[in-house]
Protein backbone atom coordinates (compact mmCIF):
# COMPACT_ATOMS: atom_id res chain seq x y z
CA UNK A 1 0.00 0.00 0.00
CA UNK A 2 1.55 3.37 -0.96
CA UNK A 3 2.39 6.07 1.54
CA UNK A 4 2.15 4.37 4.90
CA UNK A 5 5.04 6.21 6.62
CA UNK A 6 4.79 9.98 6.15
CA UNK A 7 7.51 12.27 7.49
CA UNK A 8 6.42 15.84 8.26
CA UNK A 9 9.02 18.40 9.35
CA UNK A 10 7.42 21.07 11.55
CA UNK A 11 8.76 24.37 12.82
CA UNK A 12 5.57 25.97 14.14
CA UNK A 13 5.25 28.37 11.19
CA UNK A 14 1.99 28.81 9.30
CA UNK A 15 3.33 26.98 6.20
CA UNK A 16 4.50 24.00 8.25
CA UNK A 17 1.13 23.77 10.03
CA UNK A 18 -0.69 23.90 6.69
CA UNK A 19 1.58 21.13 5.40
CA UNK A 20 0.90 19.17 8.59
CA UNK A 21 -2.87 19.46 8.11
CA UNK A 22 -2.61 18.18 4.52
CA UNK A 23 -0.37 15.31 5.68
CA UNK A 24 -2.84 14.41 8.44
CA UNK A 25 -5.75 14.41 5.95
CA UNK A 26 -3.78 12.15 3.63
CA UNK A 27 -2.65 9.85 6.45
CA UNK A 28 -6.23 9.55 7.69
CA UNK A 29 -7.48 8.64 4.20
CA UNK A 30 -4.69 6.08 3.67
CA UNK A 31 -4.48 4.66 7.17
CA UNK A 32 -0.87 5.85 7.32
CA UNK A 33 1.35 6.79 10.24
CA UNK A 34 2.96 10.25 10.58
CA UNK A 35 6.48 10.86 11.80
CA UNK A 36 6.93 14.42 13.05
CA UNK A 37 10.36 16.04 13.02
CA UNK A 38 11.47 19.33 14.51
CA UNK A 39 14.96 20.45 13.56
CA UNK A 40 16.65 22.85 15.94
CA UNK A 41 19.04 25.33 14.37
CA UNK A 42 21.29 26.67 17.12
CA UNK A 43 23.00 29.81 15.87
CA UNK A 44 26.60 29.93 17.00
CA UNK A 45 28.07 32.90 18.79
CA UNK A 46 31.18 34.17 17.05
CA UNK A 47 33.93 34.29 19.65
CA UNK A 48 36.80 35.17 17.33
CA UNK A 49 37.59 34.74 13.64
CA UNK A 50 37.20 31.02 12.86
CA UNK A 51 36.03 30.29 16.44
CA UNK A 52 32.37 29.82 17.32
CA UNK A 53 30.58 28.65 20.44
CA UNK A 54 27.07 27.52 21.25
CA UNK A 55 25.45 28.82 24.40
CA UNK A 56 24.09 25.81 26.32
CA UNK A 57 21.24 27.91 27.73
CA UNK A 58 20.18 29.06 24.25
CA UNK A 59 20.36 25.51 22.89
CA UNK A 60 18.29 24.23 25.85
CA UNK A 61 15.67 26.92 25.18
CA UNK A 62 15.55 25.96 21.49
CA UNK A 63 15.09 22.29 22.39
CA UNK A 64 12.29 23.18 24.81
CA UNK A 65 10.56 25.27 22.14
CA UNK A 66 10.95 22.35 19.73
CA UNK A 67 9.29 19.99 22.20
CA UNK A 68 6.37 22.43 22.48
CA UNK A 69 6.07 22.62 18.67
CA UNK A 70 6.10 18.81 18.45
CA UNK A 71 3.48 18.46 21.20
CA UNK A 72 1.15 20.89 19.40
CA UNK A 73 1.74 19.13 16.06
CA UNK A 74 1.06 15.70 17.60
CA UNK A 75 -2.21 16.98 19.09
CA UNK A 76 -3.27 18.27 15.64
CA UNK A 77 -2.44 14.92 14.03
CA UNK A 78 -4.26 12.95 16.72
CA UNK A 79 -7.35 15.16 16.18
CA UNK A 80 -7.49 13.58 12.69
CA UNK A 81 -7.43 10.12 14.29
CA UNK A 82 -3.91 9.47 12.98
CA UNK A 83 -1.12 7.80 14.93
CA UNK A 84 2.21 9.63 15.06
CA UNK A 85 5.70 9.61 16.49
CA UNK A 86 7.84 12.66 17.20
CA UNK A 87 11.56 13.30 17.13
CA UNK A 88 13.91 16.23 17.36
CA UNK A 89 17.23 16.78 15.63
CA UNK A 90 19.92 19.45 15.58
CA UNK A 91 21.01 21.01 12.31
CA UNK A 92 24.54 21.87 13.37
CA UNK A 93 26.70 21.53 10.28
CA UNK A 94 24.70 19.98 7.45
CA UNK A 95 21.55 22.05 7.94
CA UNK A 96 17.82 21.42 8.00
CA UNK A 97 17.46 19.63 4.63
CA UNK A 98 20.16 17.09 5.50
CA UNK A 99 18.52 16.46 8.89
CA UNK A 100 15.14 15.87 7.19
CA UNK A 101 16.66 13.49 4.63
CA UNK A 102 18.50 11.57 7.38
CA UNK A 103 15.28 11.24 9.39
CA UNK A 104 13.41 10.01 6.31
CA UNK A 105 15.99 7.23 6.00
CA UNK A 106 15.88 6.47 9.73
CA UNK A 107 12.08 6.03 9.84
CA UNK A 108 11.91 4.43 6.38
CA UNK A 109 9.51 7.14 5.19
CA UNK A 110 7.80 6.60 1.87
CA UNK A 111 6.62 10.24 1.61
CA UNK A 112 7.83 13.58 2.98
CA UNK A 113 5.27 16.39 3.26
CA UNK A 114 6.69 19.90 3.53
CA UNK A 115 4.77 23.13 3.95
CA UNK A 116 6.49 25.91 2.04
CA UNK A 117 6.27 29.67 1.69
CA UNK A 118 6.60 29.33 -2.07
CA UNK A 119 8.99 32.24 -2.39
CA UNK A 120 10.33 32.99 -5.84
CA UNK A 121 12.92 35.22 -7.43
CA UNK A 122 15.17 37.37 -5.27
CA UNK A 123 13.38 36.50 -2.01
CA UNK A 124 14.11 32.78 -2.62
CA UNK A 125 17.71 33.53 -3.59
CA UNK A 126 18.28 35.58 -0.43
CA UNK A 127 16.41 33.34 1.99
CA UNK A 128 17.14 29.96 0.40
CA UNK A 129 14.72 27.12 0.13
CA UNK A 130 14.87 24.20 2.53
CA UNK A 131 12.01 22.56 0.64
CA UNK A 132 13.91 22.72 -2.64
CA UNK A 133 17.04 21.28 -1.02
CA UNK A 134 15.02 18.41 0.49
CA UNK A 135 13.62 17.58 -2.94
CA UNK A 136 17.13 17.59 -4.43
CA UNK A 137 18.74 15.53 -1.65
CA UNK A 138 16.21 12.72 -1.08
CA UNK A 139 15.08 9.72 -3.09
CA UNK A 140 11.76 9.70 -1.20
CA UNK A 141 8.77 11.35 -2.93
CA UNK A 142 8.12 14.85 -1.56
CA UNK A 143 4.77 16.61 -1.46
CA UNK A 144 5.14 20.39 -1.23
CA UNK A 145 2.18 22.24 0.23
CA UNK A 146 2.32 25.87 -0.82
CA UNK A 147 0.95 27.94 2.07
CA UNK A 148 -0.59 30.64 -0.13
CA UNK A 149 -2.39 28.07 -2.31
CA UNK A 150 -3.69 26.13 0.70
CA UNK A 151 -5.05 29.31 2.29
CA UNK A 152 -7.31 30.04 -0.68
C-alpha atoms as a PDB file:
ATOM      1  CA  UNK A   1       0.000   0.000   0.000  1.00  0.00           C
ATOM      2  CA  UNK A   2       1.553   3.367  -0.961  1.00  0.00           C
ATOM      3  CA  UNK A   3       2.392   6.073   1.540  1.00  0.00           C
ATOM      4  CA  UNK A   4       2.154   4.365   4.896  1.00  0.00           C
ATOM      5  CA  UNK A   5       5.035   6.211   6.616  1.00  0.00           C
ATOM      6  CA  UNK A   6       4.792   9.985   6.150  1.00  0.00           C
ATOM      7  CA  UNK A   7       7.507  12.274   7.487  1.00  0.00           C
ATOM      8  CA  UNK A   8       6.420  15.843   8.264  1.00  0.00           C
ATOM      9  CA  UNK A   9       9.020  18.404   9.347  1.00  0.00           C
ATOM     10  CA  UNK A  10       7.423  21.066  11.553  1.00  0.00           C
ATOM     11  CA  UNK A  11       8.764  24.371  12.818  1.00  0.00           C
ATOM     12  CA  UNK A  12       5.567  25.968  14.136  1.00  0.00           C
ATOM     13  CA  UNK A  13       5.253  28.372  11.191  1.00  0.00           C
ATOM     14  CA  UNK A  14       1.989  28.806   9.303  1.00  0.00           C
ATOM     15  CA  UNK A  15       3.331  26.985   6.198  1.00  0.00           C
ATOM     16  CA  UNK A  16       4.504  24.002   8.253  1.00  0.00           C
ATOM     17  CA  UNK A  17       1.131  23.774  10.029  1.00  0.00           C
ATOM     18  CA  UNK A  18      -0.685  23.904   6.689  1.00  0.00           C
ATOM     19  CA  UNK A  19       1.583  21.128   5.401  1.00  0.00           C
ATOM     20  CA  UNK A  20       0.898  19.174   8.589  1.00  0.00           C
ATOM     21  CA  UNK A  21      -2.873  19.462   8.107  1.00  0.00           C
ATOM     22  CA  UNK A  22      -2.608  18.177   4.519  1.00  0.00           C
ATOM     23  CA  UNK A  23      -0.373  15.315   5.677  1.00  0.00           C
ATOM     24  CA  UNK A  24      -2.840  14.413   8.439  1.00  0.00           C
ATOM     25  CA  UNK A  25      -5.747  14.415   5.952  1.00  0.00           C
ATOM     26  CA  UNK A  26      -3.777  12.147   3.626  1.00  0.00           C
ATOM     27  CA  UNK A  27      -2.653   9.851   6.447  1.00  0.00           C
ATOM     28  CA  UNK A  28      -6.228   9.550   7.689  1.00  0.00           C
ATOM     29  CA  UNK A  29      -7.480   8.636   4.200  1.00  0.00           C
ATOM     30  CA  UNK A  30      -4.691   6.081   3.667  1.00  0.00           C
ATOM     31  CA  UNK A  31      -4.482   4.658   7.173  1.00  0.00           C
ATOM     32  CA  UNK A  32      -0.873   5.847   7.321  1.00  0.00           C
ATOM     33  CA  UNK A  33       1.353   6.793  10.236  1.00  0.00           C
ATOM     34  CA  UNK A  34       2.962  10.245  10.581  1.00  0.00           C
ATOM     35  CA  UNK A  35       6.478  10.863  11.803  1.00  0.00           C
ATOM     36  CA  UNK A  36       6.934  14.419  13.051  1.00  0.00           C
ATOM     37  CA  UNK A  37      10.357  16.041  13.021  1.00  0.00           C
ATOM     38  CA  UNK A  38      11.466  19.330  14.506  1.00  0.00           C
ATOM     39  CA  UNK A  39      14.955  20.448  13.556  1.00  0.00           C
ATOM     40  CA  UNK A  40      16.653  22.845  15.942  1.00  0.00           C
ATOM     41  CA  UNK A  41      19.038  25.329  14.368  1.00  0.00           C
ATOM     42  CA  UNK A  42      21.289  26.666  17.117  1.00  0.00           C
ATOM     43  CA  UNK A  43      23.004  29.809  15.874  1.00  0.00           C
ATOM     44  CA  UNK A  44      26.603  29.927  17.003  1.00  0.00           C
ATOM     45  CA  UNK A  45      28.067  32.900  18.792  1.00  0.00           C
ATOM     46  CA  UNK A  46      31.183  34.169  17.051  1.00  0.00           C
ATOM     47  CA  UNK A  47      33.925  34.288  19.649  1.00  0.00           C
ATOM     48  CA  UNK A  48      36.796  35.167  17.332  1.00  0.00           C
ATOM     49  CA  UNK A  49      37.588  34.736  13.638  1.00  0.00           C
ATOM     50  CA  UNK A  50      37.202  31.024  12.862  1.00  0.00           C
ATOM     51  CA  UNK A  51      36.034  30.292  16.437  1.00  0.00           C
ATOM     52  CA  UNK A  52      32.372  29.816  17.321  1.00  0.00           C
ATOM     53  CA  UNK A  53      30.580  28.651  20.439  1.00  0.00           C
ATOM     54  CA  UNK A  54      27.070  27.521  21.249  1.00  0.00           C
ATOM     55  CA  UNK A  55      25.448  28.817  24.399  1.00  0.00           C
ATOM     56  CA  UNK A  56      24.088  25.806  26.319  1.00  0.00           C
ATOM     57  CA  UNK A  57      21.239  27.912  27.729  1.00  0.00           C
ATOM     58  CA  UNK A  58      20.177  29.055  24.251  1.00  0.00           C
ATOM     59  CA  UNK A  59      20.360  25.508  22.886  1.00  0.00           C
ATOM     60  CA  UNK A  60      18.290  24.234  25.847  1.00  0.00           C
ATOM     61  CA  UNK A  61      15.666  26.921  25.175  1.00  0.00           C
ATOM     62  CA  UNK A  62      15.549  25.962  21.485  1.00  0.00           C
ATOM     63  CA  UNK A  63      15.093  22.287  22.388  1.00  0.00           C
ATOM     64  CA  UNK A  64      12.290  23.177  24.811  1.00  0.00           C
ATOM     65  CA  UNK A  65      10.561  25.272  22.144  1.00  0.00           C
ATOM     66  CA  UNK A  66      10.951  22.350  19.729  1.00  0.00           C
ATOM     67  CA  UNK A  67       9.294  19.987  22.204  1.00  0.00           C
ATOM     68  CA  UNK A  68       6.372  22.428  22.480  1.00  0.00           C
ATOM     69  CA  UNK A  69       6.070  22.617  18.675  1.00  0.00           C
ATOM     70  CA  UNK A  70       6.103  18.809  18.450  1.00  0.00           C
ATOM     71  CA  UNK A  71       3.477  18.465  21.197  1.00  0.00           C
ATOM     72  CA  UNK A  72       1.148  20.886  19.396  1.00  0.00           C
ATOM     73  CA  UNK A  73       1.740  19.127  16.062  1.00  0.00           C
ATOM     74  CA  UNK A  74       1.059  15.704  17.602  1.00  0.00           C
ATOM     75  CA  UNK A  75      -2.214  16.984  19.088  1.00  0.00           C
ATOM     76  CA  UNK A  76      -3.271  18.270  15.644  1.00  0.00           C
ATOM     77  CA  UNK A  77      -2.441  14.919  14.026  1.00  0.00           C
ATOM     78  CA  UNK A  78      -4.260  12.946  16.717  1.00  0.00           C
ATOM     79  CA  UNK A  79      -7.347  15.158  16.179  1.00  0.00           C
ATOM     80  CA  UNK A  80      -7.491  13.576  12.694  1.00  0.00           C
ATOM     81  CA  UNK A  81      -7.430  10.119  14.294  1.00  0.00           C
ATOM     82  CA  UNK A  82      -3.914   9.473  12.985  1.00  0.00           C
ATOM     83  CA  UNK A  83      -1.123   7.796  14.929  1.00  0.00           C
ATOM     84  CA  UNK A  84       2.205   9.628  15.062  1.00  0.00           C
ATOM     85  CA  UNK A  85       5.702   9.611  16.486  1.00  0.00           C
ATOM     86  CA  UNK A  86       7.841  12.662  17.195  1.00  0.00           C
ATOM     87  CA  UNK A  87      11.562  13.297  17.131  1.00  0.00           C
ATOM     88  CA  UNK A  88      13.907  16.231  17.360  1.00  0.00           C
ATOM     89  CA  UNK A  89      17.232  16.782  15.632  1.00  0.00           C
ATOM     90  CA  UNK A  90      19.920  19.453  15.583  1.00  0.00           C
ATOM     91  CA  UNK A  91      21.010  21.014  12.308  1.00  0.00           C
ATOM     92  CA  UNK A  92      24.543  21.868  13.367  1.00  0.00           C
ATOM     93  CA  UNK A  93      26.700  21.533  10.279  1.00  0.00           C
ATOM     94  CA  UNK A  94      24.703  19.981   7.449  1.00  0.00           C
ATOM     95  CA  UNK A  95      21.551  22.054   7.935  1.00  0.00           C
ATOM     96  CA  UNK A  96      17.823  21.416   7.999  1.00  0.00           C
ATOM     97  CA  UNK A  97      17.465  19.629   4.625  1.00  0.00           C
ATOM     98  CA  UNK A  98      20.164  17.089   5.504  1.00  0.00           C
ATOM     99  CA  UNK A  99      18.516  16.458   8.889  1.00  0.00           C
ATOM    100  CA  UNK A 100      15.144  15.866   7.189  1.00  0.00           C
ATOM    101  CA  UNK A 101      16.659  13.489   4.633  1.00  0.00           C
ATOM    102  CA  UNK A 102      18.500  11.570   7.382  1.00  0.00           C
ATOM    103  CA  UNK A 103      15.278  11.244   9.392  1.00  0.00           C
ATOM    104  CA  UNK A 104      13.406  10.013   6.308  1.00  0.00           C
ATOM    105  CA  UNK A 105      15.985   7.234   5.998  1.00  0.00           C
ATOM    106  CA  UNK A 106      15.883   6.468   9.729  1.00  0.00           C
ATOM    107  CA  UNK A 107      12.085   6.026   9.843  1.00  0.00           C
ATOM    108  CA  UNK A 108      11.914   4.432   6.383  1.00  0.00           C
ATOM    109  CA  UNK A 109       9.507   7.140   5.191  1.00  0.00           C
ATOM    110  CA  UNK A 110       7.795   6.595   1.867  1.00  0.00           C
ATOM    111  CA  UNK A 111       6.623  10.241   1.615  1.00  0.00           C
ATOM    112  CA  UNK A 112       7.829  13.584   2.977  1.00  0.00           C
ATOM    113  CA  UNK A 113       5.265  16.392   3.258  1.00  0.00           C
ATOM    114  CA  UNK A 114       6.690  19.903   3.527  1.00  0.00           C
ATOM    115  CA  UNK A 115       4.775  23.134   3.953  1.00  0.00           C
ATOM    116  CA  UNK A 116       6.495  25.906   2.042  1.00  0.00           C
ATOM    117  CA  UNK A 117       6.268  29.674   1.694  1.00  0.00           C
ATOM    118  CA  UNK A 118       6.598  29.328  -2.067  1.00  0.00           C
ATOM    119  CA  UNK A 119       8.995  32.241  -2.387  1.00  0.00           C
ATOM    120  CA  UNK A 120      10.335  32.985  -5.841  1.00  0.00           C
ATOM    121  CA  UNK A 121      12.923  35.215  -7.429  1.00  0.00           C
ATOM    122  CA  UNK A 122      15.170  37.365  -5.273  1.00  0.00           C
ATOM    123  CA  UNK A 123      13.380  36.497  -2.012  1.00  0.00           C
ATOM    124  CA  UNK A 124      14.114  32.785  -2.616  1.00  0.00           C
ATOM    125  CA  UNK A 125      17.708  33.526  -3.591  1.00  0.00           C
ATOM    126  CA  UNK A 126      18.279  35.582  -0.432  1.00  0.00           C
ATOM    127  CA  UNK A 127      16.406  33.340   1.991  1.00  0.00           C
ATOM    128  CA  UNK A 128      17.137  29.964   0.403  1.00  0.00           C
ATOM    129  CA  UNK A 129      14.716  27.118   0.129  1.00  0.00           C
ATOM    130  CA  UNK A 130      14.867  24.196   2.533  1.00  0.00           C
ATOM    131  CA  UNK A 131      12.006  22.558   0.635  1.00  0.00           C
ATOM    132  CA  UNK A 132      13.908  22.722  -2.643  1.00  0.00           C
ATOM    133  CA  UNK A 133      17.038  21.280  -1.022  1.00  0.00           C
ATOM    134  CA  UNK A 134      15.022  18.412   0.494  1.00  0.00           C
ATOM    135  CA  UNK A 135      13.616  17.576  -2.944  1.00  0.00           C
ATOM    136  CA  UNK A 136      17.133  17.588  -4.426  1.00  0.00           C
ATOM    137  CA  UNK A 137      18.736  15.528  -1.648  1.00  0.00           C
ATOM    138  CA  UNK A 138      16.214  12.719  -1.085  1.00  0.00           C
ATOM    139  CA  UNK A 139      15.075   9.724  -3.086  1.00  0.00           C
ATOM    140  CA  UNK A 140      11.759   9.702  -1.196  1.00  0.00           C
ATOM    141  CA  UNK A 141       8.766  11.347  -2.929  1.00  0.00           C
ATOM    142  CA  UNK A 142       8.117  14.849  -1.564  1.00  0.00           C
ATOM    143  CA  UNK A 143       4.771  16.608  -1.464  1.00  0.00           C
ATOM    144  CA  UNK A 144       5.139  20.389  -1.229  1.00  0.00           C
ATOM    145  CA  UNK A 145       2.175  22.238   0.233  1.00  0.00           C
ATOM    146  CA  UNK A 146       2.322  25.868  -0.824  1.00  0.00           C
ATOM    147  CA  UNK A 147       0.949  27.944   2.072  1.00  0.00           C
ATOM    148  CA  UNK A 148      -0.585  30.635  -0.132  1.00  0.00           C
ATOM    149  CA  UNK A 149      -2.385  28.072  -2.309  1.00  0.00           C
ATOM    150  CA  UNK A 150      -3.685  26.126   0.696  1.00  0.00           C
ATOM    151  CA  UNK A 151      -5.050  29.310   2.290  1.00  0.00           C
ATOM    152  CA  UNK A 152      -7.309  30.042  -0.677  1.00  0.00           C
END
